[in-house]
């Protein structure tokens, strides 16, 4: 289970299966291929196979970065009881 550090598009793959449960909650591994579902997302884990990708987004611009930013923004809206 290598962790994908960035979002990208698969350009070469060999029986690649990804665990996207961190983002989707779905426990089944997702098969990735060039012609069907080539999108790879940061924060997911490679469970089988190998591949190469072209990076399309990193950090706060990646899907996991956007999710974390939204979760952080939701926490900022809460009143801490001190009028802030």
N, C-alpha and C. Protein backbone atom coordinates (compact mmCIF):
# COMPACT_ATOMS: atom_id res chain seq x y z
N UNK A 1 0.70 -1.19 0.00
CA UNK A 1 0.00 0.00 0.00
C UNK A 1 0.75 1.29 0.00
N UNK A 2 1.39 1.62 -1.13
CA UNK A 2 2.00 2.95 -1.27
C UNK A 2 0.92 4.02 -1.30
N UNK A 3 1.16 5.11 -0.58
CA UNK A 3 0.24 6.24 -0.54
C UNK A 3 0.52 7.16 -1.74
N UNK A 4 -0.53 7.53 -2.47
CA UNK A 4 -0.36 8.46 -3.58
C UNK A 4 -0.26 9.88 -3.02
N UNK A 5 0.83 10.59 -3.30
CA UNK A 5 1.03 11.92 -2.72
C UNK A 5 0.38 13.06 -3.50
N UNK A 6 -0.16 12.77 -4.69
CA UNK A 6 -0.72 13.82 -5.54
C UNK A 6 -1.82 13.25 -6.41
N UNK A 7 -2.66 14.13 -6.96
CA UNK A 7 -3.65 13.72 -7.96
C UNK A 7 -2.95 13.59 -9.29
N UNK A 8 -3.45 12.69 -10.14
CA UNK A 8 -2.85 12.56 -11.45
C UNK A 8 -3.67 11.69 -12.38
N UNK A 9 -3.16 11.55 -13.60
CA UNK A 9 -3.79 10.73 -14.63
C UNK A 9 -2.83 9.60 -14.97
N UNK A 10 -3.34 8.39 -14.95
CA UNK A 10 -2.55 7.20 -15.26
C UNK A 10 -2.11 7.24 -16.71
N UNK A 11 -0.81 7.04 -16.97
CA UNK A 11 -0.30 6.99 -18.33
C UNK A 11 0.28 5.62 -18.67
N UNK A 12 0.54 4.81 -17.64
CA UNK A 12 1.03 3.45 -17.85
C UNK A 12 0.66 2.65 -16.62
N UNK A 13 0.06 1.48 -16.81
CA UNK A 13 -0.34 0.69 -15.66
C UNK A 13 -0.31 -0.79 -15.92
N UNK A 14 -0.15 -1.55 -14.84
CA UNK A 14 -0.12 -3.00 -14.92
C UNK A 14 -0.96 -3.57 -13.78
N UNK A 15 -2.21 -3.98 -14.08
CA UNK A 15 -3.12 -4.55 -13.08
C UNK A 15 -3.21 -3.69 -11.82
N UNK A 16 -3.42 -2.40 -11.99
CA UNK A 16 -3.42 -1.45 -10.89
C UNK A 16 -4.77 -1.45 -10.17
N UNK A 17 -4.72 -1.65 -8.85
CA UNK A 17 -5.91 -1.58 -8.01
C UNK A 17 -5.62 -0.60 -6.87
N UNK A 18 -6.57 0.30 -6.64
CA UNK A 18 -6.41 1.38 -5.68
C UNK A 18 -7.46 1.28 -4.58
N UNK A 19 -7.06 1.52 -3.34
CA UNK A 19 -7.98 1.61 -2.21
C UNK A 19 -8.34 3.08 -2.04
N UNK A 20 -9.58 3.44 -2.44
CA UNK A 20 -10.04 4.82 -2.35
C UNK A 20 -10.94 5.05 -1.13
N UNK A 21 -10.91 4.13 -0.18
CA UNK A 21 -11.82 4.21 0.97
C UNK A 21 -11.60 5.47 1.81
N UNK A 22 -10.41 6.01 1.82
CA UNK A 22 -10.15 7.24 2.59
C UNK A 22 -10.96 8.42 2.06
N UNK A 23 -11.26 8.41 0.76
CA UNK A 23 -12.01 9.51 0.16
C UNK A 23 -13.49 9.18 -0.04
N UNK A 24 -13.77 7.93 -0.40
CA UNK A 24 -15.14 7.57 -0.77
C UNK A 24 -15.87 6.75 0.27
N UNK A 25 -15.14 6.09 1.15
CA UNK A 25 -15.76 5.20 2.12
C UNK A 25 -16.02 3.81 1.55
N UNK A 26 -15.82 3.63 0.26
CA UNK A 26 -16.05 2.34 -0.40
C UNK A 26 -14.88 1.41 -0.11
N UNK A 27 -15.16 0.22 0.42
CA UNK A 27 -14.09 -0.68 0.83
C UNK A 27 -13.52 -1.52 -0.32
N UNK A 28 -14.24 -1.64 -1.44
CA UNK A 28 -13.73 -2.41 -2.58
C UNK A 28 -12.60 -1.66 -3.26
N UNK A 29 -11.60 -2.41 -3.71
CA UNK A 29 -10.50 -1.81 -4.45
C UNK A 29 -10.97 -1.48 -5.86
N UNK A 30 -10.49 -0.35 -6.40
CA UNK A 30 -10.91 0.13 -7.71
C UNK A 30 -9.82 -0.17 -8.72
N UNK A 31 -10.21 -0.87 -9.81
CA UNK A 31 -9.26 -1.17 -10.88
C UNK A 31 -9.10 0.08 -11.75
N UNK A 32 -7.86 0.47 -11.99
CA UNK A 32 -7.55 1.63 -12.82
C UNK A 32 -6.90 1.16 -14.11
N UNK A 33 -7.28 1.79 -15.22
CA UNK A 33 -6.67 1.48 -16.51
C UNK A 33 -6.66 2.73 -17.37
N UNK A 34 -5.90 2.69 -18.44
CA UNK A 34 -5.76 3.85 -19.31
C UNK A 34 -7.08 4.21 -19.99
N UNK A 35 -7.86 3.20 -20.39
CA UNK A 35 -9.09 3.46 -21.14
C UNK A 35 -10.33 3.59 -20.25
N UNK A 36 -10.23 3.14 -18.99
CA UNK A 36 -11.38 3.22 -18.09
C UNK A 36 -10.91 3.63 -16.70
N UNK A 37 -11.36 4.80 -16.25
CA UNK A 37 -11.04 5.32 -14.92
C UNK A 37 -9.53 5.51 -14.68
N UNK A 38 -8.88 6.40 -15.44
CA UNK A 38 -7.44 6.63 -15.27
C UNK A 38 -7.09 7.66 -14.19
N UNK A 39 -8.09 8.23 -13.50
CA UNK A 39 -7.83 9.28 -12.51
C UNK A 39 -7.35 8.68 -11.19
N UNK A 40 -6.21 9.16 -10.71
CA UNK A 40 -5.65 8.72 -9.43
C UNK A 40 -5.69 9.90 -8.46
N UNK A 41 -6.09 9.64 -7.23
CA UNK A 41 -6.30 10.71 -6.26
C UNK A 41 -5.34 10.60 -5.08
N UNK A 42 -4.85 11.74 -4.62
CA UNK A 42 -3.95 11.75 -3.47
C UNK A 42 -4.69 11.25 -2.24
N UNK A 43 -3.95 10.64 -1.34
CA UNK A 43 -4.53 10.10 -0.12
C UNK A 43 -5.06 8.69 -0.28
N UNK A 44 -5.01 8.14 -1.50
CA UNK A 44 -5.43 6.77 -1.73
C UNK A 44 -4.20 5.86 -1.73
N UNK A 45 -4.42 4.56 -1.62
CA UNK A 45 -3.31 3.61 -1.53
C UNK A 45 -3.32 2.62 -2.70
N UNK A 46 -2.13 2.35 -3.23
CA UNK A 46 -1.97 1.31 -4.25
C UNK A 46 -1.98 -0.03 -3.54
N UNK A 47 -2.90 -0.91 -3.93
CA UNK A 47 -3.01 -2.22 -3.29
C UNK A 47 -2.42 -3.34 -4.13
N UNK A 48 -2.51 -3.21 -5.45
CA UNK A 48 -1.95 -4.21 -6.36
C UNK A 48 -1.45 -3.52 -7.62
N UNK A 49 -0.49 -4.14 -8.27
CA UNK A 49 -0.01 -3.65 -9.55
C UNK A 49 0.95 -2.49 -9.43
N UNK A 50 1.17 -1.87 -10.58
CA UNK A 50 2.08 -0.73 -10.65
C UNK A 50 1.63 0.21 -11.76
N UNK A 51 2.17 1.41 -11.74
CA UNK A 51 1.80 2.36 -12.78
C UNK A 51 2.61 3.63 -12.70
N UNK A 52 2.41 4.45 -13.73
CA UNK A 52 3.00 5.79 -13.80
C UNK A 52 1.88 6.77 -14.07
N UNK A 53 2.03 7.97 -13.51
CA UNK A 53 1.00 8.98 -13.73
C UNK A 53 1.63 10.33 -13.99
N UNK A 54 0.84 11.19 -14.64
CA UNK A 54 1.20 12.59 -14.80
C UNK A 54 0.48 13.33 -13.68
N UNK A 55 1.22 14.05 -12.87
CA UNK A 55 0.65 14.77 -11.73
C UNK A 55 -0.14 15.98 -12.24
N UNK A 56 -1.37 16.11 -11.72
CA UNK A 56 -2.24 17.22 -12.12
C UNK A 56 -2.49 18.20 -10.98
N UNK A 57 -2.34 17.76 -9.73
CA UNK A 57 -2.57 18.66 -8.59
C UNK A 57 -1.84 18.14 -7.36
N UNK A 58 -1.34 19.08 -6.55
CA UNK A 58 -0.65 18.72 -5.31
C UNK A 58 -1.16 19.62 -4.17
N UNK A 59 -0.90 19.19 -2.96
CA UNK A 59 -1.21 20.01 -1.78
C UNK A 59 -2.66 20.43 -1.70
N UNK A 60 -2.89 21.70 -1.46
CA UNK A 60 -4.23 22.24 -1.30
C UNK A 60 -5.08 22.20 -2.55
N UNK A 61 -4.47 22.00 -3.71
CA UNK A 61 -5.22 21.90 -4.96
C UNK A 61 -5.67 20.48 -5.28
N UNK A 62 -5.16 19.49 -4.55
CA UNK A 62 -5.56 18.10 -4.78
C UNK A 62 -6.92 17.84 -4.14
N UNK A 63 -7.54 16.72 -4.50
CA UNK A 63 -8.85 16.39 -3.94
C UNK A 63 -8.79 16.26 -2.42
N UNK A 64 -7.77 15.59 -1.90
CA UNK A 64 -7.69 15.46 -0.44
C UNK A 64 -7.39 16.82 0.20
N UNK A 65 -6.60 17.66 -0.45
CA UNK A 65 -6.33 19.00 0.06
C UNK A 65 -7.58 19.85 0.12
N UNK A 66 -8.42 19.74 -0.90
CA UNK A 66 -9.68 20.48 -0.93
C UNK A 66 -10.61 20.01 0.18
N UNK A 67 -10.67 18.70 0.38
CA UNK A 67 -11.52 18.14 1.45
C UNK A 67 -11.03 18.62 2.81
N UNK A 68 -9.72 18.56 3.05
CA UNK A 68 -9.18 19.01 4.34
C UNK A 68 -9.44 20.49 4.56
N UNK A 69 -9.34 21.30 3.50
CA UNK A 69 -9.61 22.73 3.62
C UNK A 69 -11.07 22.97 3.98
N UNK A 70 -11.96 22.22 3.35
CA UNK A 70 -13.39 22.37 3.65
C UNK A 70 -13.70 21.94 5.08
N UNK A 71 -13.08 20.87 5.53
CA UNK A 71 -13.27 20.43 6.91
C UNK A 71 -12.72 21.45 7.89
N UNK A 72 -11.60 22.05 7.57
CA UNK A 72 -11.01 23.07 8.42
C UNK A 72 -11.86 24.32 8.46
N UNK A 73 -12.44 24.69 7.32
CA UNK A 73 -13.30 25.86 7.25
C UNK A 73 -14.56 25.65 8.09
N UNK A 74 -15.07 24.43 8.11
CA UNK A 74 -16.26 24.13 8.91
C UNK A 74 -15.94 24.29 10.39
N UNK A 75 -14.73 23.93 10.79
CA UNK A 75 -14.34 24.07 12.19
C UNK A 75 -14.14 25.52 12.58
N UNK A 76 -13.78 26.39 11.63
CA UNK A 76 -13.58 27.81 11.91
C UNK A 76 -14.88 28.54 12.19
N UNK A 77 -15.99 28.01 11.69
CA UNK A 77 -17.28 28.67 11.84
C UNK A 77 -17.88 28.47 13.23
N UNK A 78 -17.36 27.52 13.99
CA UNK A 78 -17.91 27.23 15.30
C UNK A 78 -17.53 28.31 16.30
N UNK A 79 -18.47 28.67 17.16
CA UNK A 79 -18.23 29.65 18.21
C UNK A 79 -17.56 28.93 19.39
N UNK A 80 -16.45 29.47 19.86
CA UNK A 80 -15.75 28.81 20.97
C UNK A 80 -16.25 29.29 22.33
N UNK A 81 -17.31 30.06 22.34
CA UNK A 81 -17.89 30.49 23.60
C UNK A 81 -17.26 31.74 24.18
N UNK A 82 -16.26 32.29 23.50
CA UNK A 82 -15.57 33.50 23.98
C UNK A 82 -15.85 34.69 23.05
N UNK A 83 -16.87 34.53 22.18
CA UNK A 83 -17.24 35.65 21.31
C UNK A 83 -16.30 35.85 20.16
N UNK A 84 -15.58 34.84 19.78
CA UNK A 84 -14.64 34.97 18.67
C UNK A 84 -15.21 34.35 17.41
